[in-house]
Amino acid sequence: MTPQPRSSDWHFTDDVDEFLARARDFLHSSPDLYTVHLTVTAQLRRRGPRAYGDAPPFFGFLTRGDGSVAAALLHTPPYALNVTRLTADETEALADRLLALGHPVSAICAEGATAEAFVAAWERRTGVPGKLHELQRLYRLAELTPPSPAPEGRARPADASDRDLLIRWYEGFVADAGLRAGRDAAEWADFRLSYGGVTLWETPDGTPVSMAGVTLAVAGQVRVAPVYTPPELRGRGYAGAVTTAVGRAALAAGAAEVLLFTDLANPTSNALYQRIGYREVADWAVYHFGETS
């Protein structure tokens, strides 16, 4: 007797090309909501499977009865499992499938309701609680509004002579953001320099004082990340100026959407990005499992 197909089913792979062959149309249908999946897979295809750490990447897509894709996930340890929006039943099914595979999950990142549902499902099955680590907000650039007054100085693309500076500043950003770094800062700097992915703001005497990065363009969208100003130089408008500069450059290069994530615990950055023209898209939550403090 031939088994009947499920109404929906999860499929998993460690091959980025296989994942994109099935999930590409789904991801391109909402490039803003799926920006992480789009930009991470673009980097993996360009830099190889160890772009984010020593552990191999893990991908999944949920198919409907007609074969179309309804959801997707990616996991590049040590970063969080990143999942698109799921229904309650789909979340339960995902938890079951991951446990059956023995796939470890130390953190989850998803839109708020999906993240909460997965944490509850995972704890019921494993007894391991999830602790809220960060609330994020995704913004889209609506109408670029340069800061006024703007700080003195100018924006310029970072080049090879800035490599050591980019390494130090990326390490500072990772430390400030409390990230689980999976890549070497030098590798990050080299990759960003390979496609002009970092812009610096420098004072009139040529001293760099702030940086803003931008991801590779995929499906008409780019994401601004990271934005970093050394602590001793903050509060002078440099971050707003350099973020405005990279947004303007991305639009001029043909980006249909310029996006960025913020930590909702940082009211200063959220207010800044809204002042220069970014508008809310959706909120995400990051939970870590098994943490007690």
C-alpha atoms as a PDB file:
ATOM      1  CA  MET A   1       0.000   0.000   0.000  1.00  0.00           C
ATOM      2  CA  THR A   2       1.432   3.366  -1.030  1.00  0.00           C
ATOM      3  CA  PRO A   3       1.673   5.756   1.952  1.00  0.00           C
ATOM      4  CA  GLN A   4      -0.327   8.939   1.618  1.00  0.00           C
ATOM      5  CA  PRO A   5       1.688  12.181   1.647  1.00  0.00           C
ATOM      6  CA  ARG A   6       1.481  14.283   4.768  1.00  0.00           C
ATOM      7  CA  SER A   7      -0.363  17.575   4.628  1.00  0.00           C
ATOM      8  CA  SER A   8       2.939  19.169   5.601  1.00  0.00           C
ATOM      9  CA  ASP A   9       6.402  17.854   6.336  1.00  0.00           C
ATOM     10  CA  TRP A  10       9.842  19.100   7.355  1.00  0.00           C
ATOM     11  CA  HIS A  11      12.868  18.317   5.190  1.00  0.00           C
ATOM     12  CA  PHE A  12      16.459  18.892   6.295  1.00  0.00           C
ATOM     13  CA  THR A  13      19.825  19.195   4.566  1.00  0.00           C
ATOM     14  CA  ASP A  14      23.344  20.475   5.125  1.00  0.00           C
ATOM     15  CA  ASP A  15      23.681  21.521   1.474  1.00  0.00           C
ATOM     16  CA  VAL A  16      23.004  25.221   0.916  1.00  0.00           C
ATOM     17  CA  ASP A  17      22.358  24.751  -2.812  1.00  0.00           C
ATOM     18  CA  GLU A  18      19.802  22.019  -2.168  1.00  0.00           C
ATOM     19  CA  PHE A  19      18.116  24.230   0.404  1.00  0.00           C
ATOM     20  CA  LEU A  20      17.918  27.207  -1.942  1.00  0.00           C
ATOM     21  CA  ALA A  21      16.699  25.062  -4.834  1.00  0.00           C
ATOM     22  CA  ARG A  22      13.602  24.295  -2.788  1.00  0.00           C
ATOM     23  CA  ALA A  23      13.221  27.394  -0.601  1.00  0.00           C
ATOM     24  CA  ARG A  24      14.351  30.191  -2.930  1.00  0.00           C
ATOM     25  CA  ASP A  25      10.901  31.259  -4.124  1.00  0.00           C
ATOM     26  CA  PHE A  26       9.589  31.235  -0.566  1.00  0.00           C
ATOM     27  CA  LEU A  27      12.488  33.360   0.709  1.00  0.00           C
ATOM     28  CA  HIS A  28      12.227  35.800  -2.197  1.00  0.00           C
ATOM     29  CA  SER A  29       8.500  36.255  -1.539  1.00  0.00           C
ATOM     30  CA  SER A  30       9.228  38.448   1.524  1.00  0.00           C
ATOM     31  CA  PRO A  31      12.865  39.555   1.400  1.00  0.00           C
ATOM     32  CA  ASP A  32      12.450  41.772   4.451  1.00  0.00           C
ATOM     33  CA  LEU A  33      11.112  39.067   6.772  1.00  0.00           C
ATOM     34  CA  TYR A  34      13.602  36.517   5.449  1.00  0.00           C
ATOM     35  CA  THR A  35      16.631  38.793   5.303  1.00  0.00           C
ATOM     36  CA  VAL A  36      18.722  36.632   7.621  1.00  0.00           C
ATOM     37  CA  HIS A  37      18.131  33.473   5.598  1.00  0.00           C
ATOM     38  CA  LEU A  38      18.909  35.310   2.373  1.00  0.00           C
ATOM     39  CA  THR A  39      22.085  37.022   3.534  1.00  0.00           C
ATOM     40  CA  VAL A  40      23.479  34.062   5.472  1.00  0.00           C
ATOM     41  CA  THR A  41      23.008  31.647   2.571  1.00  0.00           C
ATOM     42  CA  ALA A  42      24.603  34.182   0.212  1.00  0.00           C
ATOM     43  CA  GLN A  43      27.689  34.284   2.434  1.00  0.00           C
ATOM     44  CA  LEU A  44      27.809  30.499   2.748  1.00  0.00           C
ATOM     45  CA  ARG A  45      27.734  30.130  -1.026  1.00  0.00           C
ATOM     46  CA  ARG A  46      30.513  32.676  -1.407  1.00  0.00           C
ATOM     47  CA  ARG A  47      32.721  31.708   1.536  1.00  0.00           C
ATOM     48  CA  GLY A  48      32.004  28.024   2.034  1.00  0.00           C
ATOM     49  CA  PRO A  49      30.237  25.979   4.729  1.00  0.00           C
ATOM     50  CA  ARG A  50      32.560  27.088   7.549  1.00  0.00           C
ATOM     51  CA  ALA A  51      31.829  30.794   7.074  1.00  0.00           C
ATOM     52  CA  TYR A  52      30.155  31.085  10.476  1.00  0.00           C
ATOM     53  CA  GLY A  53      32.040  28.512  12.508  1.00  0.00           C
ATOM     54  CA  ASP A  54      33.508  25.028  12.532  1.00  0.00           C
ATOM     55  CA  ALA A  55      30.181  23.206  12.780  1.00  0.00           C
ATOM     56  CA  PRO A  56      28.439  22.549   9.453  1.00  0.00           C
ATOM     57  CA  PRO A  57      25.327  24.584   8.646  1.00  0.00           C
ATOM     58  CA  PHE A  58      21.898  22.994   8.920  1.00  0.00           C
ATOM     59  CA  PHE A  59      18.856  23.925   6.837  1.00  0.00           C
ATOM     60  CA  GLY A  60      15.220  22.955   6.800  1.00  0.00           C
ATOM     61  CA  PHE A  61      12.062  23.722   4.855  1.00  0.00           C
ATOM     62  CA  LEU A  62       8.437  22.864   5.514  1.00  0.00           C
ATOM     63  CA  THR A  63       6.407  21.689   2.531  1.00  0.00           C
ATOM     64  CA  ARG A  64       2.649  21.661   2.097  1.00  0.00           C
ATOM     65  CA  GLY A  65       0.735  18.816   0.506  1.00  0.00           C
ATOM     66  CA  ASP A  66       1.154  20.444  -2.921  1.00  0.00           C
ATOM     67  CA  GLY A  67       4.944  20.599  -2.501  1.00  0.00           C
ATOM     68  CA  SER A  68       5.158  24.353  -1.972  1.00  0.00           C
ATOM     69  CA  VAL A  69       7.339  25.674   0.848  1.00  0.00           C
ATOM     70  CA  ALA A  70       5.578  27.187   3.854  1.00  0.00           C
ATOM     71  CA  ALA A  71       8.495  27.882   6.221  1.00  0.00           C
ATOM     72  CA  ALA A  72      12.260  27.624   6.479  1.00  0.00           C
ATOM     73  CA  LEU A  73      15.012  27.422   9.049  1.00  0.00           C
ATOM     74  CA  LEU A  74      18.770  27.712   9.164  1.00  0.00           C
ATOM     75  CA  HIS A  75      21.309  26.986  11.864  1.00  0.00           C
ATOM     76  CA  THR A  76      24.952  28.040  11.758  1.00  0.00           C
ATOM     77  CA  PRO A  77      26.327  27.089  15.201  1.00  0.00           C
ATOM     78  CA  PRO A  78      27.225  28.695  17.537  1.00  0.00           C
ATOM     79  CA  TYR A  79      24.536  31.158  16.428  1.00  0.00           C
ATOM     80  CA  ALA A  80      20.864  30.620  17.206  1.00  0.00           C
ATOM     81  CA  LEU A  81      18.549  28.416  15.194  1.00  0.00           C
ATOM     82  CA  ASN A  82      16.705  30.924  12.992  1.00  0.00           C
ATOM     83  CA  VAL A  83      13.153  30.009  11.995  1.00  0.00           C
ATOM     84  CA  THR A  84      10.545  31.802   9.893  1.00  0.00           C
ATOM     85  CA  ARG A  85       7.010  32.297  11.198  1.00  0.00           C
ATOM     86  CA  LEU A  86       5.231  29.055  12.165  1.00  0.00           C
ATOM     87  CA  THR A  87       1.793  28.073  13.369  1.00  0.00           C
ATOM     88  CA  ALA A  88       1.469  26.381  16.762  1.00  0.00           C
ATOM     89  CA  ASP A  89       1.131  22.939  15.157  1.00  0.00           C
ATOM     90  CA  GLU A  90       4.113  23.530  12.883  1.00  0.00           C
ATOM     91  CA  THR A  91       6.206  24.544  15.869  1.00  0.00           C
ATOM     92  CA  GLU A  92       5.301  21.362  17.732  1.00  0.00           C
ATOM     93  CA  ALA A  93       6.158  19.272  14.685  1.00  0.00           C
ATOM     94  CA  LEU A  94       9.509  21.019  14.308  1.00  0.00           C
ATOM     95  CA  ALA A  95      10.463  20.330  17.916  1.00  0.00           C
ATOM     96  CA  ASP A  96       9.595  16.665  17.429  1.00  0.00           C
ATOM     97  CA  ARG A  97      11.624  16.363  14.227  1.00  0.00           C
ATOM     98  CA  LEU A  98      14.708  18.079  15.652  1.00  0.00           C
ATOM     99  CA  LEU A  99      14.675  15.835  18.689  1.00  0.00           C
ATOM    100  CA  ALA A 100      14.225  12.741  16.521  1.00  0.00           C
ATOM    101  CA  LEU A 101      17.277  13.793  14.512  1.00  0.00           C
ATOM    102  CA  GLY A 102      19.260  14.498  17.668  1.00  0.00           C
ATOM    103  CA  HIS A 103      19.962  18.020  16.414  1.00  0.00           C
ATOM    104  CA  PRO A 104      21.176  20.221  19.289  1.00  0.00           C
ATOM    105  CA  VAL A 105      19.480  23.566  19.881  1.00  0.00           C
ATOM    106  CA  SER A 106      21.142  25.973  22.298  1.00  0.00           C
ATOM    107  CA  ALA A 107      19.244  29.089  21.163  1.00  0.00           C
ATOM    108  CA  ILE A 108      16.266  30.084  19.007  1.00  0.00           C
ATOM    109  CA  CYS A 109      15.669  33.299  17.061  1.00  0.00           C
ATOM    110  CA  ALA A 110      12.270  33.939  15.479  1.00  0.00           C
ATOM    111  CA  GLU A 111       9.391  36.387  15.420  1.00  0.00           C
ATOM    112  CA  GLY A 112       8.021  36.731  18.938  1.00  0.00           C
ATOM    113  CA  ALA A 113       5.052  34.330  18.904  1.00  0.00           C
ATOM    114  CA  THR A 114       6.985  31.617  17.059  1.00  0.00           C
ATOM    115  CA  ALA A 115       9.964  31.898  19.409  1.00  0.00           C
ATOM    116  CA  GLU A 116       7.733  31.667  22.483  1.00  0.00           C
ATOM    117  CA  ALA A 117       5.878  28.646  21.083  1.00  0.00           C
ATOM    118  CA  PHE A 118       9.103  26.831  20.256  1.00  0.00           C
ATOM    119  CA  VAL A 119      10.552  27.496  23.716  1.00  0.00           C
ATOM    120  CA  ALA A 120       7.439  26.040  25.325  1.00  0.00           C
ATOM    121  CA  ALA A 121       7.443  23.004  23.023  1.00  0.00           C
ATOM    122  CA  TRP A 122      11.152  22.370  23.586  1.00  0.00           C
ATOM    123  CA  GLU A 123      10.867  22.631  27.372  1.00  0.00           C
ATOM    124  CA  ARG A 124       7.900  20.238  27.471  1.00  0.00           C
ATOM    125  CA  ARG A 125       9.916  17.634  25.606  1.00  0.00           C
ATOM    126  CA  THR A 126      13.368  18.125  27.127  1.00  0.00           C
ATOM    127  CA  GLY A 127      12.818  19.770  30.492  1.00  0.00           C
ATOM    128  CA  VAL A 128      15.344  22.439  29.431  1.00  0.00           C
ATOM    129  CA  PRO A 129      13.979  25.948  29.968  1.00  0.00           C
ATOM    130  CA  GLY A 130      14.500  28.808  27.568  1.00  0.00           C
ATOM    131  CA  LYS A 131      15.557  32.193  28.878  1.00  0.00           C
ATOM    132  CA  LEU A 132      14.843  35.403  26.982  1.00  0.00           C
ATOM    133  CA  HIS A 133      18.197  36.788  25.851  1.00  0.00           C
ATOM    134  CA  GLU A 134      17.246  39.658  23.547  1.00  0.00           C
ATOM    135  CA  LEU A 135      14.296  41.370  21.900  1.00  0.00           C
ATOM    136  CA  GLN A 136      15.073  42.692  18.444  1.00  0.00           C
ATOM    137  CA  ARG A 137      13.219  44.959  16.063  1.00  0.00           C
ATOM    138  CA  LEU A 138      13.581  44.804  12.303  1.00  0.00           C
ATOM    139  CA  TYR A 139      13.392  48.176  10.551  1.00  0.00           C
ATOM    140  CA  ARG A 140      13.030  49.130   6.893  1.00  0.00           C
ATOM    141  CA  LEU A 141      14.337  52.383   5.465  1.00  0.00           C
ATOM    142  CA  ALA A 142      11.282  54.375   4.369  1.00  0.00           C
ATOM    143  CA  GLU A 143      12.537  57.888   3.629  1.00  0.00           C
ATOM    144  CA  LEU A 144      16.155  58.736   4.291  1.00  0.00           C
ATOM    145  CA  THR A 145      16.421  61.751   6.604  1.00  0.00           C
ATOM    146  CA  PRO A 146      20.043  62.771   7.233  1.00  0.00           C
ATOM    147  CA  PRO A 147      20.813  63.846  10.804  1.00  0.00           C
ATOM    148  CA  SER A 148      20.722  67.567  11.444  1.00  0.00           C
ATOM    149  CA  PRO A 149      23.084  68.956  12.374  1.00  0.00           C
ATOM    150  CA  ALA A 150      25.438  66.455  10.823  1.00  0.00           C
ATOM    151  CA  PRO A 151      28.852  65.952  12.433  1.00  0.00           C
ATOM    152  CA  GLU A 152      31.869  67.302  10.632  1.00  0.00           C
ATOM    153  CA  GLY A 153      33.665  64.869   8.399  1.00  0.00           C
ATOM    154  CA  ARG A 154      32.807  62.502   5.590  1.00  0.00           C
ATOM    155  CA  ALA A 155      32.031  58.901   4.758  1.00  0.00           C
ATOM    156  CA  ARG A 156      34.431  56.727   2.798  1.00  0.00           C
ATOM    157  CA  PRO A 157      34.617  53.016   1.945  1.00  0.00           C
ATOM    158  CA  ALA A 158      37.005  51.074   4.138  1.00  0.00           C
ATOM    159  CA  ASP A 159      40.008  49.625   2.296  1.00  0.00           C
ATOM    160  CA  ALA A 160      42.860  47.237   2.996  1.00  0.00           C
ATOM    161  CA  SER A 161      44.747  49.862   4.990  1.00  0.00           C
ATOM    162  CA  ASP A 162      41.868  49.818   7.525  1.00  0.00           C
ATOM    163  CA  ARG A 163      42.004  46.059   8.117  1.00  0.00           C
ATOM    164  CA  ASP A 164      43.497  46.185  11.628  1.00  0.00           C
ATOM    165  CA  LEU A 165      40.990  48.849  12.641  1.00  0.00           C
ATOM    166  CA  LEU A 166      38.068  46.791  11.343  1.00  0.00           C
ATOM    167  CA  ILE A 167      39.285  43.766  13.290  1.00  0.00           C
ATOM    168  CA  ARG A 168      39.448  45.739  16.551  1.00  0.00           C
ATOM    169  CA  TRP A 169      36.086  47.382  15.993  1.00  0.00           C
ATOM    170  CA  TYR A 170      34.369  44.140  15.040  1.00  0.00           C
ATOM    171  CA  GLU A 171      35.685  42.574  18.240  1.00  0.00           C
ATOM    172  CA  GLY A 172      34.374  45.597  20.152  1.00  0.00           C
ATOM    173  CA  PHE A 173      30.967  45.258  18.510  1.00  0.00           C
ATOM    174  CA  VAL A 174      30.735  41.534  19.324  1.00  0.00           C
ATOM    175  CA  ALA A 175      31.686  42.197  22.958  1.00  0.00           C
ATOM    176  CA  ASP A 176      29.227  45.084  23.343  1.00  0.00           C
ATOM    177  CA  ALA A 177      26.396  43.111  21.746  1.00  0.00           C
ATOM    178  CA  GLY A 178      27.053  39.994  23.814  1.00  0.00           C
ATOM    179  CA  LEU A 179      27.153  37.839  20.688  1.00  0.00           C
ATOM    180  CA  ARG A 180      28.289  34.249  20.440  1.00  0.00           C
ATOM    181  CA  ALA A 181      31.050  34.875  17.939  1.00  0.00           C
ATOM    182  CA  GLY A 182      31.540  31.998  15.538  1.00  0.00           C
ATOM    183  CA  ARG A 183      34.002  33.572  13.168  1.00  0.00           C
ATOM    184  CA  ASP A 184      37.428  35.095  13.435  1.00  0.00           C
ATOM    185  CA  ALA A 185      37.401  38.891  13.314  1.00  0.00           C
ATOM    186  CA  ALA A 186      40.137  38.896  10.675  1.00  0.00           C
ATOM    187  CA  GLU A 187      38.058  36.619   8.434  1.00  0.00           C
ATOM    188  CA  TRP A 188      35.084  38.937   8.899  1.00  0.00           C
ATOM    189  CA  ALA A 189      37.177  41.969   7.940  1.00  0.00           C
ATOM    190  CA  ASP A 190      38.673  40.283   4.887  1.00  0.00           C
ATOM    191  CA  PHE A 191      35.288  39.175   3.617  1.00  0.00           C
ATOM    192  CA  ARG A 192      33.694  42.587   4.069  1.00  0.00           C
ATOM    193  CA  LEU A 193      36.634  44.274   2.357  1.00  0.00           C
ATOM    194  CA  SER A 194      36.297  41.869  -0.582  1.00  0.00           C
ATOM    195  CA  TYR A 195      33.040  43.506  -1.679  1.00  0.00           C
ATOM    196  CA  GLY A 196      33.221  46.983  -0.134  1.00  0.00           C
ATOM    197  CA  GLY A 197      30.984  45.979   2.760  1.00  0.00           C
ATOM    198  CA  VAL A 198      32.147  48.532   5.349  1.00  0.00           C
ATOM    199  CA  THR A 199      31.921  52.316   5.349  1.00  0.00           C
ATOM    200  CA  LEU A 200      33.800  54.538   7.779  1.00  0.00           C
ATOM    201  CA  TRP A 201      32.983  58.002   9.025  1.00  0.00           C
ATOM    202  CA  GLU A 202      36.108  60.055   9.463  1.00  0.00           C
ATOM    203  CA  THR A 203      36.700  63.497  10.941  1.00  0.00           C
ATOM    204  CA  PRO A 204      38.087  66.341   8.804  1.00  0.00           C
ATOM    205  CA  ASP A 205      41.638  65.340   9.770  1.00  0.00           C
ATOM    206  CA  GLY A 206      41.069  61.828   8.401  1.00  0.00           C
ATOM    207  CA  THR A 207      40.592  59.988  11.715  1.00  0.00           C
ATOM    208  CA  PRO A 208      38.034  57.128  11.507  1.00  0.00           C
ATOM    209  CA  VAL A 209      35.439  57.446  14.278  1.00  0.00           C
ATOM    210  CA  SER A 210      32.587  55.088  13.351  1.00  0.00           C
ATOM    211  CA  MET A 211      31.739  52.260  10.956  1.00  0.00           C
ATOM    212  CA  ALA A 212      28.679  50.732   9.353  1.00  0.00           C
ATOM    213  CA  GLY A 213      28.651  47.495   7.430  1.00  0.00           C
ATOM    214  CA  VAL A 214      26.225  46.226   4.831  1.00  0.00           C
ATOM    215  CA  THR A 215      25.452  42.662   3.740  1.00  0.00           C
ATOM    216  CA  LEU A 216      25.617  41.373   0.204  1.00  0.00           C
ATOM    217  CA  ALA A 217      22.590  42.351  -1.877  1.00  0.00           C
ATOM    218  CA  VAL A 218      20.164  39.432  -2.307  1.00  0.00           C
ATOM    219  CA  ALA A 219      16.604  39.551  -3.674  1.00  0.00           C
ATOM    220  CA  GLY A 220      16.765  43.335  -3.813  1.00  0.00           C
ATOM    221  CA  GLN A 221      17.505  43.771  -0.109  1.00  0.00           C
ATOM    222  CA  VAL A 222      20.575  44.590   1.945  1.00  0.00           C
ATOM    223  CA  ARG A 223      20.895  44.782   5.709  1.00  0.00           C
ATOM    224  CA  VAL A 224      22.966  47.336   7.584  1.00  0.00           C
ATOM    225  CA  ALA A 225      25.158  45.470  10.083  1.00  0.00           C
ATOM    226  CA  PRO A 226      27.101  46.089  12.168  1.00  0.00           C
ATOM    227  CA  VAL A 227      27.107  49.735  13.244  1.00  0.00           C
ATOM    228  CA  TYR A 228      29.846  50.509  15.746  1.00  0.00           C
ATOM    229  CA  THR A 229      31.372  53.574  17.373  1.00  0.00           C
ATOM    230  CA  PRO A 230      34.064  53.172  20.056  1.00  0.00           C
ATOM    231  CA  PRO A 231      32.674  54.067  23.514  1.00  0.00           C
ATOM    232  CA  GLU A 232      34.835  57.176  23.915  1.00  0.00           C
ATOM    233  CA  LEU A 233      33.487  58.626  20.644  1.00  0.00           C
ATOM    234  CA  ARG A 234      29.774  58.043  21.148  1.00  0.00           C
ATOM    235  CA  GLY A 235      27.147  60.750  21.481  1.00  0.00           C
ATOM    236  CA  ARG A 236      28.594  62.932  18.710  1.00  0.00           C
ATOM    237  CA  GLY A 237      26.354  61.898  15.818  1.00  0.00           C
ATOM    238  CA  TYR A 238      28.879  59.673  14.054  1.00  0.00           C
ATOM    239  CA  ALA A 239      26.688  56.534  14.016  1.00  0.00           C
ATOM    240  CA  GLY A 240      23.765  58.409  12.482  1.00  0.00           C
ATOM    241  CA  ALA A 241      26.004  59.954   9.852  1.00  0.00           C
ATOM    242  CA  VAL A 242      27.658  56.711   8.770  1.00  0.00           C
ATOM    243  CA  THR A 243      24.352  54.788   8.803  1.00  0.00           C
ATOM    244  CA  THR A 244      22.821  57.469   6.596  1.00  0.00           C
ATOM    245  CA  ALA A 245      25.781  57.182   4.240  1.00  0.00           C
ATOM    246  CA  VAL A 246      25.516  53.406   3.796  1.00  0.00           C
ATOM    247  CA  GLY A 247      21.743  53.622   3.327  1.00  0.00           C
ATOM    248  CA  ARG A 248      22.144  56.260   0.631  1.00  0.00           C
ATOM    249  CA  ALA A 249      24.849  54.220  -1.106  1.00  0.00           C
ATOM    250  CA  ALA A 250      22.726  51.047  -1.004  1.00  0.00           C
ATOM    251  CA  LEU A 251      19.762  52.834  -2.584  1.00  0.00           C
ATOM    252  CA  ALA A 252      22.009  54.355  -5.238  1.00  0.00           C
ATOM    253  CA  ALA A 253      23.346  50.876  -6.024  1.00  0.00           C
ATOM    254  CA  GLY A 254      19.809  49.666  -6.689  1.00  0.00           C
ATOM    255  CA  ALA A 255      18.641  48.115  -3.413  1.00  0.00           C
ATOM    256  CA  ALA A 256      14.857  47.984  -3.201  1.00  0.00           C
ATOM    257  CA  GLU A 257      14.941  47.587   0.582  1.00  0.00           C
ATOM    258  CA  VAL A 258      17.496  48.632   3.191  1.00  0.00           C
ATOM    259  CA  LEU A 259      16.973  46.877   6.516  1.00  0.00           C
ATOM    260  CA  LEU A 260      18.522  46.726   9.959  1.00  0.00           C
ATOM    261  CA  PHE A 261      17.971  45.045  13.317  1.00  0.00           C
ATOM    262  CA  THR A 262      18.176  46.781  16.679  1.00  0.00           C
ATOM    263  CA  ASP A 263      18.262  45.602  20.263  1.00  0.00           C
ATOM    264  CA  LEU A 264      15.051  46.880  21.855  1.00  0.00           C
ATOM    265  CA  ALA A 265      16.920  47.246  25.142  1.00  0.00           C
ATOM    266  CA  ASN A 266      18.872  50.121  23.552  1.00  0.00           C
ATOM    267  CA  PRO A 267      16.493  53.100  23.277  1.00  0.00           C
ATOM    268  CA  THR A 268      19.258  55.337  21.917  1.00  0.00           C
ATOM    269  CA  SER A 269      19.838  53.305  18.757  1.00  0.00           C
ATOM    270  CA  ASN A 270      16.120  52.710  18.180  1.00  0.00           C
ATOM    271  CA  ALA A 271      15.398  56.423  18.389  1.00  0.00           C
ATOM    272  CA  LEU A 272      18.353  57.229  16.136  1.00  0.00           C
ATOM    273  CA  TYR A 273      17.291  54.902  13.333  1.00  0.00           C
ATOM    274  CA  GLN A 274      13.735  56.189  13.421  1.00  0.00           C
ATOM    275  CA  ARG A 275      14.987  59.782  13.178  1.00  0.00           C
ATOM    276  CA  ILE A 276      16.932  59.017  10.018  1.00  0.00           C
ATOM    277  CA  GLY A 277      13.989  57.313   8.309  1.00  0.00           C
ATOM    278  CA  TYR A 278      13.699  53.675   9.416  1.00  0.00           C
ATOM    279  CA  ARG A 279      10.272  52.238  10.196  1.00  0.00           C
ATOM    280  CA  GLU A 280       9.252  49.117  12.112  1.00  0.00           C
ATOM    281  CA  VAL A 281       8.656  45.835  10.253  1.00  0.00           C
ATOM    282  CA  ALA A 282       8.440  43.170  12.965  1.00  0.00           C
ATOM    283  CA  ASP A 283       9.842  42.121  16.336  1.00  0.00           C
ATOM    284  CA  TRP A 284      12.048  39.097  16.963  1.00  0.00           C
ATOM    285  CA  ALA A 285      12.985  37.292  20.156  1.00  0.00           C
ATOM    286  CA  VAL A 286      16.161  35.369  20.983  1.00  0.00           C
ATOM    287  CA  TYR A 287      16.028  32.691  23.689  1.00  0.00           C
ATOM    288  CA  HIS A 288      18.927  30.674  25.074  1.00  0.00           C
ATOM    289  CA  PHE A 289      18.302  27.216  26.486  1.00  0.00           C
ATOM    290  CA  GLY A 290      19.643  25.932  29.775  1.00  0.00           C
ATOM    291  CA  GLU A 291      20.915  29.256  31.122  1.00  0.00           C
ATOM    292  CA  THR A 292      20.312  29.892  34.825  1.00  0.00           C
ATOM    293  CA  SER A 293      21.607  33.446  35.168  1.00  0.00           C
END
